[in-house]
Amino acid sequence: MKVLLPSPLVSYTSGKREVEASGATLAELLSDLDRQYPGIRFRVIDEQDAVRPHIRFFVNRSLVRSLGVALAPEDEVLVVAALSGG
């Protein structure tokens, strides 16, 4: 399925903002992404297997909060990184 990535993560994908990955759940999709692009999962998931506070996932333009959400091969996953600063 299509995965759209924010600018902070494209250093892991050789500059590609759109990549393909597979998985029956969001957790499996992230594992597949990490297999293809080592280190990318740690940027979005912390040591307790929770989504990092500044990351949001959208599946087909709907916000999802669970890594267990079911995915279909035709789904589109958007990863958003919140901006911060002051």
C-alpha atoms as a PDB file:
ATOM      1  CA  MET A   1       0.000   0.000   0.000  1.00  0.00           C
ATOM      2  CA  LYS A   2       1.007   3.605  -0.443  1.00  0.00           C
ATOM      3  CA  VAL A   3       2.679   5.318   2.527  1.00  0.00           C
ATOM      4  CA  LEU A   4       3.225   9.087   2.472  1.00  0.00           C
ATOM      5  CA  LEU A   5       5.995  10.371   4.727  1.00  0.00           C
ATOM      6  CA  PRO A   6       6.810  13.783   6.229  1.00  0.00           C
ATOM      7  CA  SER A   7      10.065  15.564   5.449  1.00  0.00           C
ATOM      8  CA  PRO A   8      11.809  14.529   8.712  1.00  0.00           C
ATOM      9  CA  LEU A   9      11.602  10.854   7.673  1.00  0.00           C
ATOM     10  CA  VAL A  10      12.743  11.043   4.051  1.00  0.00           C
ATOM     11  CA  SER A  11      16.380  10.782   5.079  1.00  0.00           C
ATOM     12  CA  TYR A  12      15.592   7.094   5.782  1.00  0.00           C
ATOM     13  CA  THR A  13      14.042   6.548   2.333  1.00  0.00           C
ATOM     14  CA  SER A  14      16.706   8.184   0.148  1.00  0.00           C
ATOM     15  CA  GLY A  15      14.535  11.249  -0.287  1.00  0.00           C
ATOM     16  CA  LYS A  16      11.321   9.455  -1.250  1.00  0.00           C
ATOM     17  CA  ARG A  17       8.167  10.941   0.290  1.00  0.00           C
ATOM     18  CA  GLU A  18       6.003   8.137  -1.071  1.00  0.00           C
ATOM     19  CA  VAL A  19       6.911   4.483  -0.531  1.00  0.00           C
ATOM     20  CA  GLU A  20       5.189   1.110  -0.686  1.00  0.00           C
ATOM     21  CA  ALA A  21       4.814  -1.222   2.298  1.00  0.00           C
ATOM     22  CA  SER A  22       2.547  -4.035   3.391  1.00  0.00           C
ATOM     23  CA  GLY A  23       0.894  -5.291   6.540  1.00  0.00           C
ATOM     24  CA  ALA A  24      -2.490  -6.399   7.867  1.00  0.00           C
ATOM     25  CA  THR A  25      -2.243  -3.814  10.681  1.00  0.00           C
ATOM     26  CA  LEU A  26      -0.499  -0.498  11.182  1.00  0.00           C
ATOM     27  CA  ALA A  27       2.029  -2.246  13.453  1.00  0.00           C
ATOM     28  CA  GLU A  28       2.858  -4.762  10.691  1.00  0.00           C
ATOM     29  CA  LEU A  29       3.118  -1.961   8.143  1.00  0.00           C
ATOM     30  CA  LEU A  30       5.650  -0.157  10.364  1.00  0.00           C
ATOM     31  CA  SER A  31       7.650  -3.374  10.745  1.00  0.00           C
ATOM     32  CA  ASP A  32       7.732  -3.746   6.959  1.00  0.00           C
ATOM     33  CA  LEU A  33       8.837  -0.128   6.574  1.00  0.00           C
ATOM     34  CA  ASP A  34      11.609  -0.709   9.112  1.00  0.00           C
ATOM     35  CA  ARG A  35      12.719  -3.823   7.237  1.00  0.00           C
ATOM     36  CA  GLN A  36      13.021  -1.777   4.046  1.00  0.00           C
ATOM     37  CA  TYR A  37      14.297   1.421   5.694  1.00  0.00           C
ATOM     38  CA  PRO A  38      16.118   0.508   8.931  1.00  0.00           C
ATOM     39  CA  GLY A  39      15.608   2.951  11.784  1.00  0.00           C
ATOM     40  CA  ILE A  40      12.419   4.577  10.513  1.00  0.00           C
ATOM     41  CA  ARG A  41      10.120   2.802  12.994  1.00  0.00           C
ATOM     42  CA  PHE A  42      12.043   4.140  15.997  1.00  0.00           C
ATOM     43  CA  ARG A  43      11.399   7.694  14.770  1.00  0.00           C
ATOM     44  CA  VAL A  44       7.623   7.195  15.069  1.00  0.00           C
ATOM     45  CA  ILE A  45       7.268   4.525  17.801  1.00  0.00           C
ATOM     46  CA  ASP A  46       8.917   4.758  21.228  1.00  0.00           C
ATOM     47  CA  GLU A  47      10.507   2.090  23.449  1.00  0.00           C
ATOM     48  CA  GLN A  48       7.110   1.177  24.949  1.00  0.00           C
ATOM     49  CA  ASP A  49       5.613   0.532  21.482  1.00  0.00           C
ATOM     50  CA  ALA A  50       3.538   3.721  21.685  1.00  0.00           C
ATOM     51  CA  VAL A  51       3.185   6.305  18.941  1.00  0.00           C
ATOM     52  CA  ARG A  52       5.483   9.234  19.677  1.00  0.00           C
ATOM     53  CA  PRO A  53       3.578  12.370  20.801  1.00  0.00           C
ATOM     54  CA  HIS A  54       4.470  14.417  17.724  1.00  0.00           C
ATOM     55  CA  ILE A  55       3.386  11.733  15.204  1.00  0.00           C
ATOM     56  CA  ARG A  56      -0.092  11.158  13.760  1.00  0.00           C
ATOM     57  CA  PHE A  57      -1.235   8.413  11.395  1.00  0.00           C
ATOM     58  CA  PHE A  58      -4.074   8.789   8.932  1.00  0.00           C
ATOM     59  CA  VAL A  59      -5.524   5.861   7.022  1.00  0.00           C
ATOM     60  CA  ASN A  60      -7.552   6.985   4.017  1.00  0.00           C
ATOM     61  CA  ARG A  61      -7.614  10.496   5.527  1.00  0.00           C
ATOM     62  CA  SER A  62      -9.018   9.320   8.879  1.00  0.00           C
ATOM     63  CA  LEU A  63      -6.952   9.737  12.049  1.00  0.00           C
ATOM     64  CA  VAL A  64      -6.088   6.413  13.690  1.00  0.00           C
ATOM     65  CA  ARG A  65      -4.702   6.044  17.190  1.00  0.00           C
ATOM     66  CA  SER A  66      -4.164   2.300  17.439  1.00  0.00           C
ATOM     67  CA  LEU A  67      -1.288   0.308  15.972  1.00  0.00           C
ATOM     68  CA  GLY A  68      -3.713  -2.603  15.764  1.00  0.00           C
ATOM     69  CA  VAL A  69      -5.988  -0.930  13.215  1.00  0.00           C
ATOM     70  CA  ALA A  70      -6.674  -3.260  10.276  1.00  0.00           C
ATOM     71  CA  LEU A  71      -5.330  -2.254   6.862  1.00  0.00           C
ATOM     72  CA  ALA A  72      -6.245  -3.327   3.353  1.00  0.00           C
ATOM     73  CA  PRO A  73      -3.812  -3.432   0.404  1.00  0.00           C
ATOM     74  CA  GLU A  74      -5.599  -0.515  -1.303  1.00  0.00           C
ATOM     75  CA  ASP A  75      -5.382   1.767   1.768  1.00  0.00           C
ATOM     76  CA  GLU A  76      -3.273   4.912   1.849  1.00  0.00           C
ATOM     77  CA  VAL A  77      -1.354   5.697   5.037  1.00  0.00           C
ATOM     78  CA  LEU A  78      -0.207   9.235   5.761  1.00  0.00           C
ATOM     79  CA  VAL A  79       2.365   9.864   8.489  1.00  0.00           C
ATOM     80  CA  VAL A  80       2.325  13.409   9.870  1.00  0.00           C
ATOM     81  CA  ALA A  81       4.972  14.933  12.118  1.00  0.00           C
ATOM     82  CA  ALA A  82       3.817  17.928  14.177  1.00  0.00           C
ATOM     83  CA  LEU A  83       5.872  21.079  14.039  1.00  0.00           C
ATOM     84  CA  SER A  84       7.198  22.519  17.264  1.00  0.00           C
ATOM     85  CA  GLY A  85       9.373  25.348  18.353  1.00  0.00           C
ATOM     86  CA  GLY A  86       9.107  28.775  19.770  1.00  0.00           C
END
